[in-house]
Amino acid sequence: MKKKTYKLFGIALASLLLFSCGGEILPKPKGMLRLSYPSPKYKEVVSACPYSFEKNDFSKLQRAQRNRKCWYNLEYKKLKATMYISYYQVRNNLDSLLRDAQNLTQEHVIKADGILQEPFVDPENEVYGMFYEVSGDAASQSQFYLTDSVRHFVVGSIYFKVKPNYDSILPAADYLRNDMRHLMESLRWKE
């Protein structure tokens, strides 16, 4: 009788274990990193340079390391990125300035998946130029140049201080791209 009891108990236990699980076993979904940045608050940069623009309070304005007047770096420490802004006077050299600005963007073709060009035209303020959006693992995701075609020429580019991995830096690149567009839209010549 003990053998029968143990046998019935074993069958009952095995049945309980087999039928108690019931539902389908699903793996946990992968967690997604949520990155959020502060809403931009822009202030005008006041300087002795022949142009002005608005910058995001989230960035820190610094004079460029080079001893060039009116060259600036906008540091985004939390994003590990810098927007470099360079100024040149136009002195019968507009063609070479345009070529240099365009070549700077074309240097990223090797790593880029694509380069989108958007002309920028603000005839009321005499600001004309081009905005470049670079996709892929290129060193710079956004670049621009602006000019009045007569006296002034400004070039800007964004670089991250990390190895470019487009998927990883995309949220930060989008945030900075919007800041760059705002800088372009707010740029004014003083002379």
N, C-alpha and C. Protein backbone atom coordinates (compact mmCIF):
# COMPACT_ATOMS: atom_id res chain seq x y z
N MET A 1 0.81 -1.19 0.00
CA MET A 1 0.00 0.00 0.00
C MET A 1 0.86 1.26 0.00
N LYS A 2 2.00 1.21 0.68
CA LYS A 2 2.87 2.37 0.71
C LYS A 2 3.39 2.69 -0.68
N LYS A 3 3.65 1.64 -1.47
CA LYS A 3 4.14 1.87 -2.83
C LYS A 3 3.10 2.58 -3.66
N LYS A 4 1.84 2.19 -3.52
CA LYS A 4 0.76 2.83 -4.26
C LYS A 4 0.60 4.28 -3.83
N THR A 5 0.71 4.55 -2.54
CA THR A 5 0.57 5.92 -2.04
C THR A 5 1.68 6.81 -2.59
N TYR A 6 2.91 6.29 -2.55
CA TYR A 6 4.03 7.07 -3.08
C TYR A 6 3.89 7.27 -4.59
N LYS A 7 3.39 6.26 -5.29
CA LYS A 7 3.20 6.35 -6.72
C LYS A 7 2.13 7.39 -7.05
N LEU A 8 1.00 7.36 -6.33
CA LEU A 8 -0.06 8.34 -6.55
C LEU A 8 0.41 9.76 -6.20
N PHE A 9 1.15 9.84 -5.09
CA PHE A 9 1.68 11.13 -4.67
C PHE A 9 2.64 11.69 -5.73
N GLY A 10 3.47 10.83 -6.31
CA GLY A 10 4.42 11.23 -7.36
C GLY A 10 3.71 11.69 -8.62
N ILE A 11 2.66 10.97 -8.99
CA ILE A 11 1.89 11.34 -10.19
C ILE A 11 1.17 12.67 -9.96
N ALA A 12 0.60 12.84 -8.75
CA ALA A 12 -0.10 14.08 -8.43
C ALA A 12 0.87 15.27 -8.44
N LEU A 13 2.04 15.07 -7.85
CA LEU A 13 3.04 16.13 -7.80
C LEU A 13 3.53 16.49 -9.20
N ALA A 14 3.79 15.49 -10.04
CA ALA A 14 4.25 15.72 -11.41
C ALA A 14 3.17 16.44 -12.21
N SER A 15 1.89 16.04 -12.02
CA SER A 15 0.78 16.69 -12.72
C SER A 15 0.65 18.14 -12.28
N LEU A 16 0.78 18.35 -10.98
CA LEU A 16 0.68 19.70 -10.44
C LEU A 16 1.77 20.60 -11.01
N LEU A 17 2.99 20.09 -11.09
CA LEU A 17 4.09 20.87 -11.62
C LEU A 17 3.92 21.16 -13.11
N LEU A 18 3.43 20.19 -13.87
CA LEU A 18 3.27 20.36 -15.30
C LEU A 18 2.16 21.34 -15.65
N PHE A 19 1.06 21.26 -14.93
CA PHE A 19 -0.11 22.06 -15.28
C PHE A 19 -0.21 23.38 -14.53
N SER A 20 0.62 23.58 -13.52
CA SER A 20 0.51 24.80 -12.73
C SER A 20 1.17 26.00 -13.42
N CYS A 21 2.11 25.77 -14.33
CA CYS A 21 2.82 26.89 -14.97
C CYS A 21 1.90 27.67 -15.88
N GLY A 22 1.03 27.02 -16.56
CA GLY A 22 -0.03 27.65 -17.33
C GLY A 22 0.41 28.54 -18.47
N GLY A 23 0.80 29.78 -18.20
CA GLY A 23 1.05 30.78 -19.24
C GLY A 23 2.34 30.59 -20.00
N GLU A 24 2.41 31.33 -21.07
CA GLU A 24 3.59 31.31 -21.91
C GLU A 24 4.72 32.08 -21.23
N ILE A 25 5.93 31.63 -21.33
CA ILE A 25 7.07 32.32 -20.74
C ILE A 25 7.62 33.29 -21.79
N LEU A 26 7.66 34.56 -21.44
CA LEU A 26 8.15 35.58 -22.35
C LEU A 26 9.41 36.22 -21.78
N PRO A 27 10.38 36.52 -22.65
CA PRO A 27 11.58 37.20 -22.15
C PRO A 27 11.26 38.66 -21.82
N LYS A 28 12.02 39.24 -20.93
CA LYS A 28 11.83 40.65 -20.58
C LYS A 28 12.22 41.51 -21.77
N PRO A 29 11.45 42.57 -22.04
CA PRO A 29 11.84 43.46 -23.14
C PRO A 29 13.11 44.22 -22.78
N LYS A 30 13.87 44.57 -23.83
CA LYS A 30 15.08 45.33 -23.60
C LYS A 30 14.71 46.72 -23.10
N GLY A 31 15.45 47.23 -22.15
CA GLY A 31 15.22 48.58 -21.65
C GLY A 31 15.81 49.60 -22.61
N MET A 32 15.13 50.69 -22.76
CA MET A 32 15.61 51.75 -23.63
C MET A 32 16.06 52.92 -22.77
N LEU A 33 17.19 53.48 -23.10
CA LEU A 33 17.72 54.62 -22.39
C LEU A 33 16.90 55.85 -22.73
N ARG A 34 16.45 56.54 -21.72
CA ARG A 34 15.68 57.75 -21.97
C ARG A 34 16.56 58.95 -21.67
N LEU A 35 16.83 59.73 -22.71
CA LEU A 35 17.64 60.92 -22.56
C LEU A 35 16.74 62.13 -22.68
N SER A 36 16.86 63.03 -21.74
CA SER A 36 16.09 64.27 -21.84
C SER A 36 17.02 65.43 -21.57
N TYR A 37 16.79 66.50 -22.27
CA TYR A 37 17.61 67.69 -22.16
C TYR A 37 16.71 68.87 -21.79
N PRO A 38 17.27 69.88 -21.17
CA PRO A 38 16.44 71.02 -20.77
C PRO A 38 15.89 71.76 -21.99
N SER A 39 14.72 72.33 -21.83
CA SER A 39 14.16 73.15 -22.90
C SER A 39 15.11 74.32 -23.14
N PRO A 40 15.40 74.62 -24.38
CA PRO A 40 16.37 75.69 -24.65
C PRO A 40 15.85 77.07 -24.26
N LYS A 41 16.75 77.84 -23.67
CA LYS A 41 16.49 79.25 -23.36
C LYS A 41 17.63 80.01 -24.01
N TYR A 42 17.28 80.88 -24.94
CA TYR A 42 18.30 81.56 -25.74
C TYR A 42 18.53 82.99 -25.26
N LYS A 43 19.80 83.39 -25.31
CA LYS A 43 20.20 84.77 -25.00
C LYS A 43 21.14 85.25 -26.09
N GLU A 44 21.07 86.54 -26.37
CA GLU A 44 21.95 87.12 -27.39
C GLU A 44 23.37 87.22 -26.87
N VAL A 45 24.31 86.87 -27.72
CA VAL A 45 25.72 86.99 -27.41
C VAL A 45 26.14 88.41 -27.79
N VAL A 46 26.59 89.17 -26.81
CA VAL A 46 27.03 90.54 -27.04
C VAL A 46 28.55 90.54 -27.09
N SER A 47 29.11 91.02 -28.19
CA SER A 47 30.57 91.04 -28.34
C SER A 47 30.95 92.19 -29.25
N ALA A 48 32.24 92.36 -29.44
CA ALA A 48 32.76 93.39 -30.34
C ALA A 48 32.86 92.88 -31.77
N CYS A 49 32.41 91.68 -32.02
CA CYS A 49 32.47 91.10 -33.36
C CYS A 49 31.44 91.74 -34.28
N PRO A 50 31.64 91.65 -35.60
CA PRO A 50 30.70 92.27 -36.54
C PRO A 50 29.42 91.46 -36.76
N TYR A 51 29.17 90.51 -35.90
CA TYR A 51 27.93 89.74 -35.98
C TYR A 51 27.47 89.40 -34.56
N SER A 52 26.19 89.12 -34.44
CA SER A 52 25.63 88.68 -33.16
C SER A 52 24.75 87.46 -33.42
N PHE A 53 24.49 86.70 -32.39
CA PHE A 53 23.63 85.53 -32.50
C PHE A 53 23.11 85.19 -31.11
N GLU A 54 22.16 84.29 -31.05
CA GLU A 54 21.63 83.81 -29.78
C GLU A 54 22.15 82.42 -29.51
N LYS A 55 22.51 82.17 -28.24
CA LYS A 55 23.00 80.86 -27.84
C LYS A 55 22.12 80.30 -26.74
N ASN A 56 22.11 79.01 -26.63
CA ASN A 56 21.36 78.30 -25.59
C ASN A 56 22.08 78.47 -24.25
N ASP A 57 21.34 78.76 -23.19
CA ASP A 57 21.94 78.88 -21.85
C ASP A 57 22.61 77.58 -21.40
N PHE A 58 22.21 76.47 -21.98
CA PHE A 58 22.76 75.15 -21.66
C PHE A 58 24.23 75.04 -22.09
N SER A 59 24.64 75.92 -23.00
CA SER A 59 26.01 75.91 -23.50
C SER A 59 26.83 77.00 -22.83
N LYS A 60 28.13 76.81 -22.85
CA LYS A 60 29.05 77.80 -22.29
C LYS A 60 29.87 78.40 -23.43
N LEU A 61 29.83 79.72 -23.56
CA LEU A 61 30.55 80.42 -24.61
C LEU A 61 32.00 80.62 -24.21
N GLN A 62 32.92 80.24 -25.11
CA GLN A 62 34.35 80.42 -24.87
C GLN A 62 35.00 80.98 -26.12
N ARG A 63 36.01 81.80 -25.93
CA ARG A 63 36.80 82.23 -27.08
C ARG A 63 37.58 81.01 -27.56
N ALA A 64 37.75 80.92 -28.84
CA ALA A 64 38.48 79.78 -29.40
C ALA A 64 39.93 79.80 -28.91
N GLN A 65 40.52 78.64 -28.83
CA GLN A 65 41.91 78.52 -28.38
C GLN A 65 42.87 79.30 -29.26
N ARG A 66 42.57 79.33 -30.52
CA ARG A 66 43.42 80.07 -31.44
C ARG A 66 43.28 81.57 -31.16
N ASN A 67 44.26 82.30 -31.51
CA ASN A 67 44.22 83.75 -31.29
C ASN A 67 43.50 84.44 -32.45
N ARG A 68 42.34 83.94 -32.74
CA ARG A 68 41.53 84.50 -33.81
C ARG A 68 40.39 85.30 -33.19
N LYS A 69 40.26 86.53 -33.63
CA LYS A 69 39.18 87.37 -33.13
C LYS A 69 37.86 86.85 -33.70
N CYS A 70 36.88 86.81 -32.88
CA CYS A 70 35.51 86.44 -33.27
C CYS A 70 35.33 84.97 -33.61
N TRP A 71 36.22 84.12 -33.13
CA TRP A 71 36.04 82.68 -33.21
C TRP A 71 35.58 82.22 -31.84
N TYR A 72 34.51 81.44 -31.81
CA TYR A 72 33.94 81.00 -30.54
C TYR A 72 33.74 79.49 -30.51
N ASN A 73 33.70 78.98 -29.30
CA ASN A 73 33.31 77.59 -29.06
C ASN A 73 32.13 77.62 -28.11
N LEU A 74 31.08 76.91 -28.45
CA LEU A 74 29.96 76.71 -27.54
C LEU A 74 30.11 75.31 -26.96
N GLU A 75 30.47 75.24 -25.69
CA GLU A 75 30.71 73.96 -25.02
C GLU A 75 29.41 73.43 -24.42
N TYR A 76 29.10 72.19 -24.72
CA TYR A 76 27.97 71.46 -24.13
C TYR A 76 28.59 70.32 -23.33
N LYS A 77 29.00 70.62 -22.10
CA LYS A 77 29.76 69.65 -21.30
C LYS A 77 28.97 68.38 -21.03
N LYS A 78 27.68 68.49 -20.70
CA LYS A 78 26.89 67.30 -20.38
C LYS A 78 26.67 66.42 -21.61
N LEU A 79 26.74 67.01 -22.78
CA LEU A 79 26.58 66.25 -24.02
C LEU A 79 27.92 65.83 -24.61
N LYS A 80 29.01 66.30 -24.00
CA LYS A 80 30.36 66.03 -24.49
C LYS A 80 30.50 66.45 -25.94
N ALA A 81 30.06 67.69 -26.20
CA ALA A 81 30.08 68.21 -27.57
C ALA A 81 30.46 69.68 -27.57
N THR A 82 30.94 70.12 -28.72
CA THR A 82 31.30 71.53 -28.91
C THR A 82 30.84 71.98 -30.28
N MET A 83 30.27 73.19 -30.31
CA MET A 83 29.95 73.83 -31.58
C MET A 83 31.03 74.87 -31.83
N TYR A 84 31.77 74.71 -32.92
CA TYR A 84 32.85 75.61 -33.27
C TYR A 84 32.33 76.65 -34.27
N ILE A 85 32.58 77.92 -33.97
CA ILE A 85 32.10 79.01 -34.83
C ILE A 85 33.31 79.85 -35.24
N SER A 86 33.50 79.98 -36.55
CA SER A 86 34.65 80.73 -37.08
C SER A 86 34.15 81.87 -37.95
N TYR A 87 34.82 83.00 -37.85
CA TYR A 87 34.46 84.20 -38.62
C TYR A 87 35.61 84.58 -39.55
N TYR A 88 35.25 84.96 -40.77
CA TYR A 88 36.22 85.44 -41.75
C TYR A 88 35.67 86.70 -42.41
N GLN A 89 36.55 87.63 -42.70
CA GLN A 89 36.16 88.78 -43.50
C GLN A 89 36.24 88.39 -44.97
N VAL A 90 35.28 88.85 -45.74
CA VAL A 90 35.29 88.60 -47.18
C VAL A 90 36.09 89.71 -47.83
N ARG A 91 37.17 89.33 -48.50
CA ARG A 91 38.04 90.29 -49.21
C ARG A 91 38.38 89.70 -50.59
N ASN A 92 37.43 89.73 -51.46
CA ASN A 92 37.60 89.14 -52.79
C ASN A 92 37.97 87.66 -52.71
N ASN A 93 37.53 87.00 -51.64
CA ASN A 93 37.87 85.58 -51.47
C ASN A 93 36.62 84.73 -51.17
N LEU A 94 35.47 85.23 -51.55
CA LEU A 94 34.22 84.51 -51.24
C LEU A 94 34.23 83.12 -51.87
N ASP A 95 34.74 82.99 -53.09
CA ASP A 95 34.78 81.67 -53.75
C ASP A 95 35.59 80.67 -52.94
N SER A 96 36.76 81.08 -52.46
CA SER A 96 37.60 80.14 -51.69
C SER A 96 36.99 79.84 -50.33
N LEU A 97 36.33 80.82 -49.69
CA LEU A 97 35.66 80.57 -48.41
C LEU A 97 34.52 79.57 -48.59
N LEU A 98 33.73 79.74 -49.64
CA LEU A 98 32.64 78.79 -49.93
C LEU A 98 33.18 77.40 -50.21
N ARG A 99 34.23 77.31 -51.01
CA ARG A 99 34.83 76.03 -51.34
C ARG A 99 35.36 75.33 -50.08
N ASP A 100 36.04 76.09 -49.22
CA ASP A 100 36.57 75.51 -47.98
C ASP A 100 35.44 75.01 -47.08
N ALA A 101 34.37 75.78 -46.96
CA ALA A 101 33.24 75.37 -46.13
C ALA A 101 32.57 74.10 -46.68
N GLN A 102 32.43 74.04 -47.99
CA GLN A 102 31.82 72.86 -48.60
C GLN A 102 32.75 71.65 -48.50
N ASN A 103 34.05 71.86 -48.64
CA ASN A 103 35.00 70.76 -48.53
C ASN A 103 35.04 70.21 -47.10
N LEU A 104 34.87 71.07 -46.12
CA LEU A 104 34.84 70.61 -44.73
C LEU A 104 33.73 69.58 -44.53
N THR A 105 32.58 69.84 -45.14
CA THR A 105 31.47 68.88 -45.05
C THR A 105 31.77 67.63 -45.85
N GLN A 106 32.35 67.78 -47.03
CA GLN A 106 32.61 66.63 -47.89
C GLN A 106 33.66 65.68 -47.31
N GLU A 107 34.48 66.16 -46.37
CA GLU A 107 35.45 65.28 -45.72
C GLU A 107 34.77 64.16 -44.94
N HIS A 108 33.50 64.34 -44.60
CA HIS A 108 32.77 63.36 -43.80
C HIS A 108 32.05 62.32 -44.65
N VAL A 109 32.17 62.44 -45.97
CA VAL A 109 31.48 61.51 -46.88
C VAL A 109 31.93 60.07 -46.64
N ILE A 110 33.18 59.85 -46.26
CA ILE A 110 33.71 58.50 -46.06
C ILE A 110 32.90 57.73 -45.02
N LYS A 111 32.59 58.37 -43.90
CA LYS A 111 31.87 57.71 -42.80
C LYS A 111 30.37 57.98 -42.82
N ALA A 112 29.94 59.00 -43.53
CA ALA A 112 28.54 59.40 -43.51
C ALA A 112 27.67 58.46 -44.34
N ASP A 113 26.44 58.25 -43.86
CA ASP A 113 25.46 57.51 -44.65
C ASP A 113 24.79 58.43 -45.66
N GLY A 114 24.75 59.71 -45.32
CA GLY A 114 24.15 60.69 -46.21
C GLY A 114 24.37 62.10 -45.68
N ILE A 115 24.32 63.06 -46.61
CA ILE A 115 24.46 64.47 -46.23
C ILE A 115 23.29 65.22 -46.87
N LEU A 116 22.46 65.81 -46.02
CA LEU A 116 21.33 66.60 -46.47
C LEU A 116 21.73 68.06 -46.47
N GLN A 117 21.51 68.75 -47.59
CA GLN A 117 21.84 70.17 -47.70
C GLN A 117 20.55 70.98 -47.71
N GLU A 118 20.49 71.99 -46.86
CA GLU A 118 19.33 72.88 -46.83
C GLU A 118 19.80 74.32 -46.99
N PRO A 119 19.45 74.96 -48.10
CA PRO A 119 19.82 76.36 -48.26
C PRO A 119 19.14 77.22 -47.19
N PHE A 120 19.83 78.26 -46.75
CA PHE A 120 19.29 79.20 -45.77
C PHE A 120 19.29 80.59 -46.41
N VAL A 121 18.12 81.21 -46.45
CA VAL A 121 17.98 82.51 -47.09
C VAL A 121 17.15 83.41 -46.19
N ASP A 122 17.75 84.52 -45.77
CA ASP A 122 17.07 85.54 -44.96
C ASP A 122 17.39 86.90 -45.60
N PRO A 123 16.67 87.25 -46.70
CA PRO A 123 17.00 88.48 -47.42
C PRO A 123 16.78 89.75 -46.59
N GLU A 124 15.84 89.71 -45.66
CA GLU A 124 15.57 90.89 -44.82
C GLU A 124 16.80 91.29 -44.01
N ASN A 125 17.54 90.29 -43.51
CA ASN A 125 18.74 90.56 -42.70
C ASN A 125 20.04 90.31 -43.47
N GLU A 126 19.93 90.06 -44.77
CA GLU A 126 21.07 89.80 -45.65
C GLU A 126 21.95 88.66 -45.12
N VAL A 127 21.31 87.55 -44.75
CA VAL A 127 22.01 86.36 -44.27
C VAL A 127 21.66 85.21 -45.22
N TYR A 128 22.69 84.65 -45.84
CA TYR A 128 22.52 83.57 -46.80
C TYR A 128 23.52 82.46 -46.48
N GLY A 129 23.12 81.24 -46.72
CA GLY A 129 24.07 80.17 -46.44
C GLY A 129 23.50 78.79 -46.70
N MET A 130 24.12 77.82 -46.03
CA MET A 130 23.75 76.42 -46.20
C MET A 130 23.86 75.70 -44.87
N PHE A 131 22.90 74.82 -44.61
CA PHE A 131 22.92 73.96 -43.42
C PHE A 131 23.12 72.54 -43.91
N TYR A 132 24.05 71.81 -43.28
CA TYR A 132 24.34 70.43 -43.65
C TYR A 132 23.99 69.52 -42.48
N GLU A 133 23.18 68.52 -42.74
CA GLU A 133 22.86 67.49 -41.75
C GLU A 133 23.52 66.20 -42.21
N VAL A 134 24.44 65.71 -41.39
CA VAL A 134 25.21 64.52 -41.74
C VAL A 134 24.68 63.34 -40.93
N SER A 135 24.31 62.26 -41.61
CA SER A 135 23.85 61.07 -40.90
C SER A 135 24.91 59.98 -41.02
N GLY A 136 24.96 59.13 -40.01
CA GLY A 136 25.96 58.06 -39.99
C GLY A 136 27.02 58.33 -38.94
N ASP A 137 28.07 57.53 -38.96
CA ASP A 137 29.11 57.61 -37.94
C ASP A 137 30.20 58.63 -38.28
N ALA A 138 29.80 59.75 -38.82
CA ALA A 138 30.75 60.82 -39.16
C ALA A 138 31.13 61.59 -37.90
N ALA A 139 32.26 62.29 -37.97
CA ALA A 139 32.75 63.03 -36.80
C ALA A 139 31.86 64.22 -36.47
N SER A 140 31.21 64.82 -37.45
CA SER A 140 30.36 65.99 -37.24
C SER A 140 28.98 65.72 -37.84
N GLN A 141 27.93 65.92 -37.05
CA GLN A 141 26.56 65.64 -37.53
C GLN A 141 25.87 66.86 -38.12
N SER A 142 26.38 68.06 -37.83
CA SER A 142 25.76 69.29 -38.34
C SER A 142 26.83 70.32 -38.63
N GLN A 143 26.65 71.03 -39.74
CA GLN A 143 27.56 72.10 -40.13
C GLN A 143 26.78 73.17 -40.87
N PHE A 144 27.33 74.38 -40.91
CA PHE A 144 26.70 75.46 -41.66
C PHE A 144 27.73 76.48 -42.09
N TYR A 145 27.32 77.31 -43.03
CA TYR A 145 28.04 78.55 -43.30
C TYR A 145 27.01 79.62 -43.60
N LEU A 146 27.34 80.85 -43.23
CA LEU A 146 26.48 82.00 -43.47
C LEU A 146 27.34 83.15 -43.98
N THR A 147 26.76 83.96 -44.86
CA THR A 147 27.47 85.11 -45.40
C THR A 147 26.47 86.18 -45.81
N ASP A 148 26.99 87.41 -45.94
CA ASP A 148 26.20 88.47 -46.56
C ASP A 148 26.65 88.66 -48.01
N SER A 149 27.61 87.85 -48.44
CA SER A 149 28.17 87.82 -49.80
C SER A 149 29.06 89.01 -50.11
N VAL A 150 29.27 89.90 -49.14
CA VAL A 150 30.06 91.09 -49.41
C VAL A 150 31.21 91.27 -48.41
N ARG A 151 30.90 91.17 -47.10
CA ARG A 151 31.91 91.47 -46.08
C ARG A 151 32.13 90.36 -45.07
N HIS A 152 31.12 89.54 -44.80
CA HIS A 152 31.18 88.62 -43.66
C HIS A 152 30.94 87.17 -44.08
N PHE A 153 31.62 86.26 -43.35
CA PHE A 153 31.46 84.84 -43.59
C PHE A 153 31.65 84.10 -42.27
N VAL A 154 30.66 83.30 -41.87
CA VAL A 154 30.70 82.54 -40.62
C VAL A 154 30.52 81.06 -40.94
N VAL A 155 31.35 80.22 -40.33
CA VAL A 155 31.27 78.77 -40.50
C VAL A 155 31.07 78.15 -39.12
N GLY A 156 30.23 77.12 -39.05
CA GLY A 156 30.02 76.43 -37.78
C GLY A 156 29.92 74.93 -37.97
N SER A 157 30.37 74.19 -36.95
CA SER A 157 30.27 72.73 -36.99
C SER A 157 30.21 72.20 -35.56
N ILE A 158 29.58 71.05 -35.42
CA ILE A 158 29.42 70.40 -34.12
C ILE A 158 30.26 69.12 -34.12
N TYR A 159 31.04 68.94 -33.06
CA TYR A 159 31.83 67.72 -32.88
C TYR A 159 31.61 67.18 -31.48
N PHE A 160 31.52 65.87 -31.38
CA PHE A 160 31.40 65.20 -30.09
C PHE A 160 32.76 64.73 -29.63
N LYS A 161 32.96 64.68 -28.33
CA LYS A 161 34.24 64.24 -27.77
C LYS A 161 34.23 62.75 -27.48
N VAL A 162 33.48 62.00 -28.25
CA VAL A 162 33.41 60.55 -28.12
C VAL A 162 33.49 59.97 -29.52
N LYS A 163 33.81 58.68 -29.58
CA LYS A 163 33.84 58.01 -30.87
C LYS A 163 32.43 58.06 -31.46
N PRO A 164 32.30 58.51 -32.71
CA PRO A 164 30.96 58.65 -33.27
C PRO A 164 30.26 57.31 -33.48
N ASN A 165 29.14 57.16 -32.83
CA ASN A 165 28.23 56.03 -33.02
C ASN A 165 26.86 56.66 -33.19
N TYR A 166 26.41 56.76 -34.41
CA TYR A 166 25.23 57.54 -34.76
C TYR A 166 24.01 57.20 -33.90
N ASP A 167 23.77 55.92 -33.67
CA ASP A 167 22.60 55.54 -32.88
C ASP A 167 22.69 56.05 -31.45
N SER A 168 23.88 56.05 -30.89
CA SER A 168 24.05 56.47 -29.51
C SER A 168 23.97 57.98 -29.33
N ILE A 169 24.51 58.73 -30.28
CA ILE A 169 24.55 60.18 -30.12
C ILE A 169 23.36 60.88 -30.79
N LEU A 170 22.47 60.14 -31.42
CA LEU A 170 21.37 60.76 -32.16
C LEU A 170 20.53 61.72 -31.33
N PRO A 171 20.10 61.36 -30.10
CA PRO A 171 19.31 62.34 -29.33
C PRO A 171 20.08 63.64 -29.06
N ALA A 172 21.34 63.54 -28.72
CA ALA A 172 22.16 64.73 -28.48
C ALA A 172 22.38 65.49 -29.79
N ALA A 173 22.62 64.77 -30.88
CA ALA A 173 22.83 65.41 -32.17
C ALA A 173 21.59 66.18 -32.61
N ASP A 174 20.40 65.62 -32.37
CA ASP A 174 19.16 66.32 -32.70
C ASP A 174 19.01 67.60 -31.88
N TYR A 175 19.32 67.51 -30.59
CA TYR A 175 19.23 68.68 -29.71
C TYR A 175 20.16 69.78 -30.20
N LEU A 176 21.40 69.42 -30.51
CA LEU A 176 22.38 70.40 -30.97
C LEU A 176 22.04 70.93 -32.36
N ARG A 177 21.49 70.09 -33.19
CA ARG A 177 21.07 70.52 -34.53
C ARG A 177 20.04 71.64 -34.42
N ASN A 178 19.11 71.51 -33.48
CA ASN A 178 18.11 72.57 -33.28
C ASN A 178 18.76 73.85 -32.78
N ASP A 179 19.75 73.73 -31.90
CA ASP A 179 20.48 74.91 -31.43
C ASP A 179 21.22 75.59 -32.58
N MET A 180 21.81 74.78 -33.45
CA MET A 180 22.53 75.34 -34.59
C MET A 180 21.58 76.08 -35.52
N ARG A 181 20.44 75.50 -35.77
CA ARG A 181 19.45 76.17 -36.63
C ARG A 181 19.01 77.49 -36.01
N HIS A 182 18.81 77.49 -34.69
CA HIS A 182 18.41 78.74 -34.02
C HIS A 182 19.52 79.79 -34.14
N LEU A 183 20.76 79.36 -33.98
CA LEU A 183 21.89 80.29 -34.14
C LEU A 183 21.86 80.90 -35.54
N MET A 184 21.63 80.07 -36.55
CA MET A 184 21.58 80.58 -37.93
C MET A 184 20.45 81.58 -38.11
N GLU A 185 19.29 81.26 -37.56
CA GLU A 185 18.12 82.12 -37.72
C GLU A 185 18.27 83.44 -36.94
N SER A 186 19.05 83.43 -35.88
CA SER A 186 19.19 84.63 -35.05
C SER A 186 20.43 85.46 -35.42
N LEU A 187 21.29 84.97 -36.30
CA LEU A 187 22.51 85.69 -36.65
C LEU A 187 22.17 86.99 -37.38
N ARG A 188 22.83 88.07 -36.93
CA ARG A 188 22.65 89.40 -37.53
C ARG A 188 24.02 90.03 -37.73
N TRP A 189 24.17 90.73 -38.84
CA TRP A 189 25.41 91.49 -39.10
C TRP A 189 25.27 92.84 -38.43
N LYS A 190 26.32 93.32 -37.84
CA LYS A 190 26.28 94.62 -37.15
C LYS A 190 26.61 95.78 -38.09
N GLU A 191 27.31 95.52 -39.15
CA GLU A 191 27.72 96.59 -40.06
C GLU A 191 26.97 96.50 -41.36
